[in-house]
PDB file of N, CA and C in Angstrom:
ATOM      1  N   MET A   1      20.518   6.661  35.350  1.00  0.00           N
ATOM      2  CA  MET A   1      20.233   5.775  34.304  1.00  0.00           C
ATOM      3  C   MET A   1      18.388   5.345  34.211  1.00  0.00           C
ATOM      4  N   ILE A   2      17.887   5.199  35.307  1.00  0.00           N
ATOM      5  CA  ILE A   2      16.167   5.090  34.720  1.00  0.00           C
ATOM      6  C   ILE A   2      15.952   6.024  33.906  1.00  0.00           C
ATOM      7  N   LEU A   3      16.578   7.518  34.476  1.00  0.00           N
ATOM      8  CA  LEU A   3      15.730   8.823  33.724  1.00  0.00           C
ATOM      9  C   LEU A   3      16.208   8.806  31.814  1.00  0.00           C
ATOM     10  N   LEU A   4      17.518   7.797  32.008  1.00  0.00           N
ATOM     11  CA  LEU A   4      17.671   7.457  30.634  1.00  0.00           C
ATOM     12  C   LEU A   4      17.416   6.708  29.778  1.00  0.00           C
ATOM     13  N   MET A   5      17.018   5.660  30.391  1.00  0.00           N
ATOM     14  CA  MET A   5      15.928   4.418  29.990  1.00  0.00           C
ATOM     15  C   MET A   5      14.310   5.043  29.285  1.00  0.00           C
ATOM     16  N   LYS A   6      13.824   5.894  30.489  1.00  0.00           N
ATOM     17  CA  LYS A   6      12.924   6.565  30.142  1.00  0.00           C
ATOM     18  C   LYS A   6      12.772   7.472  28.646  1.00  0.00           C
ATOM     19  N   ASN A   7      13.966   8.339  28.980  1.00  0.00           N
ATOM     20  CA  ASN A   7      13.886   8.847  27.670  1.00  0.00           C
ATOM     21  C   ASN A   7      14.172   8.123  26.376  1.00  0.00           C
ATOM     22  N   LEU A   8      15.219   7.132  26.676  1.00  0.00           N
ATOM     23  CA  LEU A   8      15.382   5.897  25.491  1.00  0.00           C
ATOM     24  C   LEU A   8      14.088   5.597  24.943  1.00  0.00           C
ATOM     25  N   PHE A   9      13.335   5.031  25.646  1.00  0.00           N
ATOM     26  CA  PHE A   9      12.028   4.511  25.331  1.00  0.00           C
ATOM     27  C   PHE A   9      10.945   5.037  24.826  1.00  0.00           C
ATOM     28  N   PHE A  10      10.938   6.703  25.637  1.00  0.00           N
ATOM     29  CA  PHE A  10      10.121   7.506  24.772  1.00  0.00           C
ATOM     30  C   PHE A  10      10.762   7.861  23.152  1.00  0.00           C
ATOM     31  N   PHE A  11      12.008   8.001  23.272  1.00  0.00           N
ATOM     32  CA  PHE A  11      12.110   8.316  21.909  1.00  0.00           C
ATOM     33  C   PHE A  11      12.017   7.328  20.749  1.00  0.00           C
ATOM     34  N   SER A  12      12.216   5.795  21.373  1.00  0.00           N
ATOM     35  CA  SER A  12      11.826   4.614  20.417  1.00  0.00           C
ATOM     36  C   SER A  12      10.547   4.362  20.135  1.00  0.00           C
ATOM     37  N   LYS A  13       9.843   4.655  20.967  1.00  0.00           N
ATOM     38  CA  LYS A  13       8.147   4.500  20.805  1.00  0.00           C
ATOM     39  C   LYS A  13       7.863   5.242  19.592  1.00  0.00           C
ATOM     40  N   SER A  14       8.286   6.880  19.877  1.00  0.00           N
ATOM     41  CA  SER A  14       7.827   8.136  18.851  1.00  0.00           C
ATOM     42  C   SER A  14       8.410   7.872  17.474  1.00  0.00           C
ATOM     43  N   ASN A  15       9.823   7.443  17.516  1.00  0.00           N
ATOM     44  CA  ASN A  15      10.373   7.262  16.392  1.00  0.00           C
ATOM     45  C   ASN A  15       9.526   5.860  15.403  1.00  0.00           C
ATOM     46  N   PHE A  16       9.158   5.041  16.244  1.00  0.00           N
ATOM     47  CA  PHE A  16       8.300   3.734  15.594  1.00  0.00           C
ATOM     48  C   PHE A  16       7.227   4.549  15.178  1.00  0.00           C
ATOM     49  N   GLU A  17       6.487   4.940  15.655  1.00  0.00           N
ATOM     50  CA  GLU A  17       5.123   5.677  15.182  1.00  0.00           C
ATOM     51  C   GLU A  17       5.516   6.629  14.326  1.00  0.00           C
ATOM     52  N   ARG A  18       6.672   7.332  14.179  1.00  0.00           N
ATOM     53  CA  ARG A  18       6.945   8.095  12.668  1.00  0.00           C
ATOM     54  C   ARG A  18       7.699   7.373  11.253  1.00  0.00           C
ATOM     55  N   ALA A  19       7.714   6.114  11.937  1.00  0.00           N
ATOM     56  CA  ALA A  19       8.328   5.745  10.802  1.00  0.00           C
ATOM     57  C   ALA A  19       7.506   4.351  10.018  1.00  0.00           C
ATOM     58  N   ILE A  20       6.257   3.911  10.827  1.00  0.00           N
ATOM     59  CA  ILE A  20       5.500   3.042  10.350  1.00  0.00           C
ATOM     60  C   ILE A  20       4.189   3.649   9.534  1.00  0.00           C
ATOM     61  N   PRO A  21       4.014   3.515   8.346  1.00  0.00           N
ATOM     62  CA  PRO A  21       2.762   3.870   8.131  1.00  0.00           C
ATOM     63  C   PRO A  21       1.598   3.420   8.448  1.00  0.00           C
ATOM     64  N   SER A  22       0.501   3.824   8.408  1.00  0.00           N
ATOM     65  CA  SER A  22      -0.983   3.580   9.106  1.00  0.00           C
ATOM     66  C   SER A  22      -1.639   2.482   8.439  1.00  0.00           C
ATOM     67  N   ILE A  23      -2.311   1.566   8.968  1.00  0.00           N
ATOM     68  CA  ILE A  23      -2.852   0.477   8.045  1.00  0.00           C
ATOM     69  C   ILE A  23      -4.297   0.902   7.395  1.00  0.00           C
ATOM     70  N   MET A  24      -4.747   2.429   8.001  1.00  0.00           N
ATOM     71  CA  MET A  24      -5.980   2.733   7.470  1.00  0.00           C
ATOM     72  C   MET A  24      -5.893   3.378   6.041  1.00  0.00           C
ATOM     73  N   ASP A  25      -4.391   4.399   6.029  1.00  0.00           N
ATOM     74  CA  ASP A  25      -4.617   4.691   4.321  1.00  0.00           C
ATOM     75  C   ASP A  25      -3.121   4.636   3.820  1.00  0.00           C
ATOM     76  N   ASP A  26      -2.365   4.426   4.443  1.00  0.00           N
ATOM     77  CA  ASP A  26      -0.941   4.113   4.547  1.00  0.00           C
ATOM     78  C   ASP A  26      -0.138   5.127   4.453  1.00  0.00           C
ATOM     79  N   LEU A  27      -0.105   6.140   4.907  1.00  0.00           N
ATOM     80  CA  LEU A  27       0.471   7.403   5.224  1.00  0.00           C
ATOM     81  C   LEU A  27       1.275   7.271   6.560  1.00  0.00           C
ATOM     82  N   LYS A  28       2.458   7.954   6.414  1.00  0.00           N
ATOM     83  CA  LYS A  28       3.229   8.383   7.753  1.00  0.00           C
ATOM     84  C   LYS A  28       2.544   9.533   8.110  1.00  0.00           C
ATOM     85  N   PRO A  29       2.964   9.969   9.306  1.00  0.00           N
ATOM     86  CA  PRO A  29       1.883  11.053  10.245  1.00  0.00           C
ATOM     87  C   PRO A  29       2.452  12.230   9.793  1.00  0.00           C
ATOM     88  N   ASP A  30       3.830  12.334   9.346  1.00  0.00           N
ATOM     89  CA  ASP A  30       4.155  13.854   8.579  1.00  0.00           C
ATOM     90  C   ASP A  30       3.211  13.765   7.166  1.00  0.00           C
ATOM     91  N   GLN A  31       3.297  12.369   6.432  1.00  0.00           N
ATOM     92  CA  GLN A  31       2.668  12.814   5.392  1.00  0.00           C
ATOM     93  C   GLN A  31       0.908  13.127   5.421  1.00  0.00           C
ATOM     94  N   CYS A  32       0.428  12.607   6.353  1.00  0.00           N
ATOM     95  CA  CYS A  32      -0.892  13.251   6.692  1.00  0.00           C
ATOM     96  C   CYS A  32      -1.432  15.047   7.131  1.00  0.00           C
ATOM     97  N   LYS A  33       0.016  15.011   7.663  1.00  0.00           N
ATOM     98  CA  LYS A  33      -0.108  16.485   8.211  1.00  0.00           C
ATOM     99  C   LYS A  33       0.356  17.329   6.759  1.00  0.00           C
ATOM    100  N   ILE A  34       1.170  16.896   6.019  1.00  0.00           N
ATOM    101  CA  ILE A  34       1.150  17.887   4.828  1.00  0.00           C
ATOM    102  C   ILE A  34      -0.219  17.717   3.958  1.00  0.00           C
ATOM    103  N   ILE A  35      -0.877  16.829   3.661  1.00  0.00           N
ATOM    104  CA  ILE A  35      -1.708  16.468   3.325  1.00  0.00           C
ATOM    105  C   ILE A  35      -3.353  17.291   3.903  1.00  0.00           C
ATOM    106  N   PHE A  36      -2.982  17.502   4.870  1.00  0.00           N
ATOM    107  CA  PHE A  36      -3.845  18.069   5.703  1.00  0.00           C
ATOM    108  C   PHE A  36      -4.076  19.397   5.491  1.00  0.00           C
ATOM    109  N   VAL A  37      -2.828  20.161   5.406  1.00  0.00           N
ATOM    110  CA  VAL A  37      -2.595  21.522   5.401  1.00  0.00           C
ATOM    111  C   VAL A  37      -2.787  21.785   3.565  1.00  0.00           C
ATOM    112  N   CYS A  38      -2.443  21.215   3.314  1.00  0.00           N
ATOM    113  CA  CYS A  38      -2.870  20.996   1.503  1.00  0.00           C
ATOM    114  C   CYS A  38      -4.315  21.290   1.174  1.00  0.00           C
ATOM    115  N   PHE A  39      -5.418  20.571   1.743  1.00  0.00           N
ATOM    116  CA  PHE A  39      -6.675  20.506   1.507  1.00  0.00           C
ATOM    117  C   PHE A  39      -7.316  21.643   1.989  1.00  0.00           C
ATOM    118  N   THR A  40      -6.957  21.891   3.745  1.00  0.00           N
ATOM    119  CA  THR A  40      -7.233  23.104   4.455  1.00  0.00           C
ATOM    120  C   THR A  40      -6.644  24.338   3.930  1.00  0.00           C
ATOM    121  N   LYS A  41      -5.933  24.540   2.991  1.00  0.00           N
ATOM    122  CA  LYS A  41      -5.684  25.835   2.606  1.00  0.00           C
ATOM    123  C   LYS A  41      -5.690  25.826   1.031  1.00  0.00           C
ATOM    124  N   HIS A  42      -6.139  24.495   0.295  1.00  0.00           N
ATOM    125  CA  HIS A  42      -6.219  24.770  -0.976  1.00  0.00           C
ATOM    126  C   HIS A  42      -5.302  24.845  -1.982  1.00  0.00           C
ATOM    127  N   LEU A  43      -4.400  24.345  -1.561  1.00  0.00           N
ATOM    128  CA  LEU A  43      -2.985  24.628  -2.321  1.00  0.00           C
ATOM    129  C   LEU A  43      -3.246  23.560  -3.686  1.00  0.00           C
ATOM    130  N   ILE A  44      -3.269  24.635  -4.580  1.00  0.00           N
ATOM    131  CA  ILE A  44      -3.359  23.581  -6.164  1.00  0.00           C
ATOM    132  C   ILE A  44      -1.795  24.302  -6.618  1.00  0.00           C
ATOM    133  N   CYS A  45      -1.143  25.146  -6.894  1.00  0.00           N
ATOM    134  CA  CYS A  45       0.257  25.497  -7.180  1.00  0.00           C
ATOM    135  C   CYS A  45       1.146  24.709  -6.229  1.00  0.00           C
ATOM    136  N   GLU A  46       2.224  24.485  -7.012  1.00  0.00           N
ATOM    137  CA  GLU A  46       3.100  23.715  -6.351  1.00  0.00           C
ATOM    138  C   GLU A  46       3.558  24.949  -5.330  1.00  0.00           C
ATOM    139  N   ILE A  47       4.074  24.397  -4.226  1.00  0.00           N
ATOM    140  CA  ILE A  47       4.673  25.015  -3.017  1.00  0.00           C
ATOM    141  C   ILE A  47       5.486  24.184  -2.298  1.00  0.00           C
ATOM    142  N   LYS A  48       6.448  24.773  -1.160  1.00  0.00           N
ATOM    143  CA  LYS A  48       7.813  23.783  -0.946  1.00  0.00           C
ATOM    144  C   LYS A  48       6.985  23.571   0.357  1.00  0.00           C
ATOM    145  N   VAL A  49       7.379  22.063   0.933  1.00  0.00           N
ATOM    146  CA  VAL A  49       6.934  21.681   2.071  1.00  0.00           C
ATOM    147  C   VAL A  49       7.675  22.400   3.130  1.00  0.00           C
ATOM    148  N   GLU A  50       8.706  22.925   3.093  1.00  0.00           N
ATOM    149  CA  GLU A  50       9.380  23.834   4.152  1.00  0.00           C
ATOM    150  C   GLU A  50       8.477  25.098   4.407  1.00  0.00           C
ATOM    151  N   GLN A  51       7.287  25.507   3.267  1.00  0.00           N
ATOM    152  CA  GLN A  51       6.398  26.676   3.987  1.00  0.00           C
ATOM    153  C   GLN A  51       5.416  25.900   4.568  1.00  0.00           C
ATOM    154  N   ILE A  52       5.023  24.711   4.131  1.00  0.00           N
ATOM    155  CA  ILE A  52       3.546  23.802   4.805  1.00  0.00           C
ATOM    156  C   ILE A  52       4.260  23.843   6.426  1.00  0.00           C
ATOM    157  N   SER A  53       5.624  23.335   6.520  1.00  0.00           N
ATOM    158  CA  SER A  53       5.742  23.083   8.162  1.00  0.00           C
ATOM    159  C   SER A  53       5.514  24.300   8.910  1.00  0.00           C
ATOM    160  N   CYS A  54       5.331  25.132   8.536  1.00  0.00           N
ATOM    161  CA  CYS A  54       5.200  26.725   9.582  1.00  0.00           C
ATOM    162  C   CYS A  54       3.646  26.547   9.696  1.00  0.00           C
ATOM    163  N   PHE A  55       2.770  25.880   9.128  1.00  0.00           N
ATOM    164  CA  PHE A  55       1.744  25.356   9.618  1.00  0.00           C
ATOM    165  C   PHE A  55       1.328  24.555  10.741  1.00  0.00           C
ATOM    166  N   ARG A  56       0.575  25.220  11.528  1.00  0.00           N
ATOM    167  CA  ARG A  56       0.409  24.337  12.948  1.00  0.00           C
ATOM    168  C   ARG A  56      -0.710  23.312  12.588  1.00  0.00           C
ATOM    169  N   VAL A  57      -0.859  21.884  12.530  1.00  0.00           N
ATOM    170  CA  VAL A  57      -1.950  21.315  12.266  1.00  0.00           C
ATOM    171  C   VAL A  57      -2.331  20.932  14.060  1.00  0.00           C
ATOM    172  N   PRO A  58      -3.614  21.090  14.314  1.00  0.00           N
ATOM    173  CA  PRO A  58      -4.511  20.698  15.612  1.00  0.00           C
ATOM    174  C   PRO A  58      -4.110  19.094  16.018  1.00  0.00           C
ATOM    175  N   ASP A  59      -4.495  19.050  17.031  1.00  0.00           N
ATOM    176  CA  ASP A  59      -4.394  17.587  17.816  1.00  0.00           C
ATOM    177  C   ASP A  59      -2.897  17.579  18.281  1.00  0.00           C
ATOM    178  N   ASP A  60      -2.102  16.848  17.878  1.00  0.00           N
ATOM    179  CA  ASP A  60      -0.563  16.556  18.332  1.00  0.00           C
ATOM    180  C   ASP A  60       0.577  17.670  17.717  1.00  0.00           C
ATOM    181  N   GLY A  61      -0.108  18.520  16.988  1.00  0.00           N
ATOM    182  CA  GLY A  61       0.903  19.844  16.318  1.00  0.00           C
ATOM    183  C   GLY A  61       1.947  19.708  15.937  1.00  0.00           C
ATOM    184  N   GLN A  62       3.283  19.890  16.360  1.00  0.00           N
ATOM    185  CA  GLN A  62       4.638  19.665  15.867  1.00  0.00           C
ATOM    186  C   GLN A  62       5.680  19.164  17.364  1.00  0.00           C
ATOM    187  N   LEU A  63       4.911  18.330  17.988  1.00  0.00           N
ATOM    188  CA  LEU A  63       5.726  17.835  19.184  1.00  0.00           C
ATOM    189  C   LEU A  63       6.906  17.111  19.055  1.00  0.00           C
ATOM    190  N   ASP A  64       6.832  16.483  18.109  1.00  0.00           N
ATOM    191  CA  ASP A  64       8.304  15.404  18.075  1.00  0.00           C
ATOM    192  C   ASP A  64       8.705  16.613  17.276  1.00  0.00           C
ATOM    193  N   ILE A  65       8.721  17.213  16.874  1.00  0.00           N
ATOM    194  CA  ILE A  65       9.976  18.295  15.905  1.00  0.00           C
ATOM    195  C   ILE A  65      10.594  19.387  16.833  1.00  0.00           C
ATOM    196  N   CYS A  66       9.497  19.701  17.925  1.00  0.00           N
ATOM    197  CA  CYS A  66       9.798  20.401  19.023  1.00  0.00           C
ATOM    198  C   CYS A  66      10.731  19.611  20.081  1.00  0.00           C
ATOM    199  N   LEU A  67      10.631  18.479  20.154  1.00  0.00           N
ATOM    200  CA  LEU A  67      11.568  17.701  21.178  1.00  0.00           C
ATOM    201  C   LEU A  67      12.567  17.085  20.608  1.00  0.00           C
ATOM    202  N   TYR A  68      12.875  16.901  19.381  1.00  0.00           N
ATOM    203  CA  TYR A  68      14.114  16.072  18.721  1.00  0.00           C
ATOM    204  C   TYR A  68      14.802  16.897  17.714  1.00  0.00           C
ATOM    205  N   GLY A  69      14.538  18.181  17.525  1.00  0.00           N
ATOM    206  CA  GLY A  69      14.936  18.880  16.232  1.00  0.00           C
ATOM    207  C   GLY A  69      14.201  18.942  15.104  1.00  0.00           C
ATOM    208  N   GLY A  70      13.899  18.242  14.989  1.00  0.00           N
ATOM    209  CA  GLY A  70      12.715  18.209  13.239  1.00  0.00           C
ATOM    210  C   GLY A  70      13.731  18.303  12.141  1.00  0.00           C
ATOM    211  N   ASP A  71      15.168  17.804  12.333  1.00  0.00           N
ATOM    212  CA  ASP A  71      15.864  18.081  11.056  1.00  0.00           C
ATOM    213  C   ASP A  71      15.868  16.786  10.500  1.00  0.00           C
ATOM    214  N   GLY A  72      15.549  15.736  10.903  1.00  0.00           N
ATOM    215  CA  GLY A  72      15.095  14.353  10.071  1.00  0.00           C
ATOM    216  C   GLY A  72      16.951  13.995  10.103  1.00  0.00           C
ATOM    217  N   GLY A  73      17.718  14.465  10.232  1.00  0.00           N
ATOM    218  CA  GLY A  73      19.222  13.871  10.176  1.00  0.00           C
ATOM    219  C   GLY A  73      19.456  14.405   8.692  1.00  0.00           C
ATOM    220  N   ASN A  74      18.832  15.206   8.525  1.00  0.00           N
ATOM    221  CA  ASN A  74      19.300  15.977   6.786  1.00  0.00           C
ATOM    222  C   ASN A  74      19.556  14.944   5.819  1.00  0.00           C
ATOM    223  N   ALA A  75      17.986  14.015   5.918  1.00  0.00           N
ATOM    224  CA  ALA A  75      18.328  12.997   4.956  1.00  0.00           C
ATOM    225  C   ALA A  75      17.609  13.951   3.302  1.00  0.00           C
ATOM    226  N   ALA A  76      16.686  14.880   3.901  1.00  0.00           N
ATOM    227  CA  ALA A  76      15.935  15.676   2.586  1.00  0.00           C
ATOM    228  C   ALA A  76      15.683  16.752   2.855  1.00  0.00           C
ATOM    229  N   PHE A  77      16.657  17.462   2.465  1.00  0.00           N
ATOM    230  CA  PHE A  77      16.278  18.812   2.826  1.00  0.00           C
ATOM    231  C   PHE A  77      14.773  19.806   2.430  1.00  0.00           C
ATOM    232  N   ALA A  78      13.892  20.059   3.115  1.00  0.00           N
ATOM    233  CA  ALA A  78      12.703  20.539   2.748  1.00  0.00           C
ATOM    234  C   ALA A  78      12.454  21.631   2.038  1.00  0.00           C
ATOM    235  N   HIS A  79      13.559  22.242   1.762  1.00  0.00           N
ATOM    236  CA  HIS A  79      13.532  23.704   0.740  1.00  0.00           C
ATOM    237  C   HIS A  79      13.767  23.059  -0.714  1.00  0.00           C
ATOM    238  N   TYR A  80      13.909  21.407  -0.784  1.00  0.00           N
ATOM    239  CA  TYR A  80      14.188  20.820  -2.220  1.00  0.00           C
ATOM    240  C   TYR A  80      13.006  20.100  -2.525  1.00  0.00           C
ATOM    241  N   ILE A  81      12.078  19.886  -1.684  1.00  0.00           N
ATOM    242  CA  ILE A  81      11.204  19.156  -1.806  1.00  0.00           C
ATOM    243  C   ILE A  81       9.749  19.710  -2.397  1.00  0.00           C
ATOM    244  N   PHE A  82       9.211  19.945  -3.406  1.00  0.00           N
ATOM    245  CA  PHE A  82       8.112  20.225  -3.497  1.00  0.00           C
ATOM    246  C   PHE A  82       6.148  19.538  -3.488  1.00  0.00           C
ATOM    247  N   THR A  83       5.593  20.060  -3.221  1.00  0.00           N
ATOM    248  CA  THR A  83       4.241  19.341  -3.253  1.00  0.00           C
ATOM    249  C   THR A  83       2.730  19.914  -3.567  1.00  0.00           C
ATOM    250  N   ARG A  84       1.999  19.536  -4.605  1.00  0.00           N
ATOM    251  CA  ARG A  84       0.626  20.355  -4.809  1.00  0.00           C
ATOM    252  C   ARG A  84      -0.397  18.928  -4.763  1.00  0.00           C
ATOM    253  N   LEU A  85      -1.734  19.828  -4.805  1.00  0.00           N
ATOM    254  CA  LEU A  85      -3.011  18.526  -4.937  1.00  0.00           C
ATOM    255  C   LEU A  85      -3.576  18.437  -6.249  1.00  0.00           C
ATOM    256  N   SER A  86      -3.567  17.155  -6.712  1.00  0.00           N
ATOM    257  CA  SER A  86      -3.789  16.680  -7.881  1.00  0.00           C
ATOM    258  C   SER A  86      -5.016  17.650  -8.168  1.00  0.00           C
ATOM    259  N   PRO A  87      -5.382  17.689  -9.579  1.00  0.00           N
ATOM    260  CA  PRO A  87      -6.709  18.423  -9.947  1.00  0.00           C
ATOM    261  C   PRO A  87      -7.734  17.215  -9.527  1.00  0.00           C
ATOM    262  N   LEU A  88      -7.497  15.719  -9.635  1.00  0.00           N
ATOM    263  CA  LEU A  88      -8.492  14.803  -9.262  1.00  0.00           C
ATOM    264  C   LEU A  88      -9.040  14.706  -7.796  1.00  0.00           C
ATOM    265  N   ALA A  89      -7.961  15.401  -6.770  1.00  0.00           N
ATOM    266  CA  ALA A  89      -8.295  15.658  -5.458  1.00  0.00           C
ATOM    267  C   ALA A  89      -9.101  16.935  -4.891  1.00  0.00           C
ATOM    268  N   LEU A  90      -9.242  17.482  -5.894  1.00  0.00           N
ATOM    269  CA  LEU A  90     -10.094  18.794  -5.539  1.00  0.00           C
ATOM    270  C   LEU A  90     -11.577  18.419  -5.989  1.00  0.00           C
TER     271      LEU A  90
END
């Protein structure tokens, strides 16, 4: 029972951190990771988010994806979502 409560607490805490945008930049951690990869790889052309997800981001990396399966409840499939940097961002 105690192990279940600890796991539930850990899941709730990490879920809360992933769901609430930061006060500093109004971005969620996953959005920050995508922007970081776009800037470091100088992605000018449109690319699928699914392709970006294979890049490893330093610091916390993909810890929550490894722990919870990373499918996000299949709310939005990554192979349908495209992203690119705006020319103003470069």
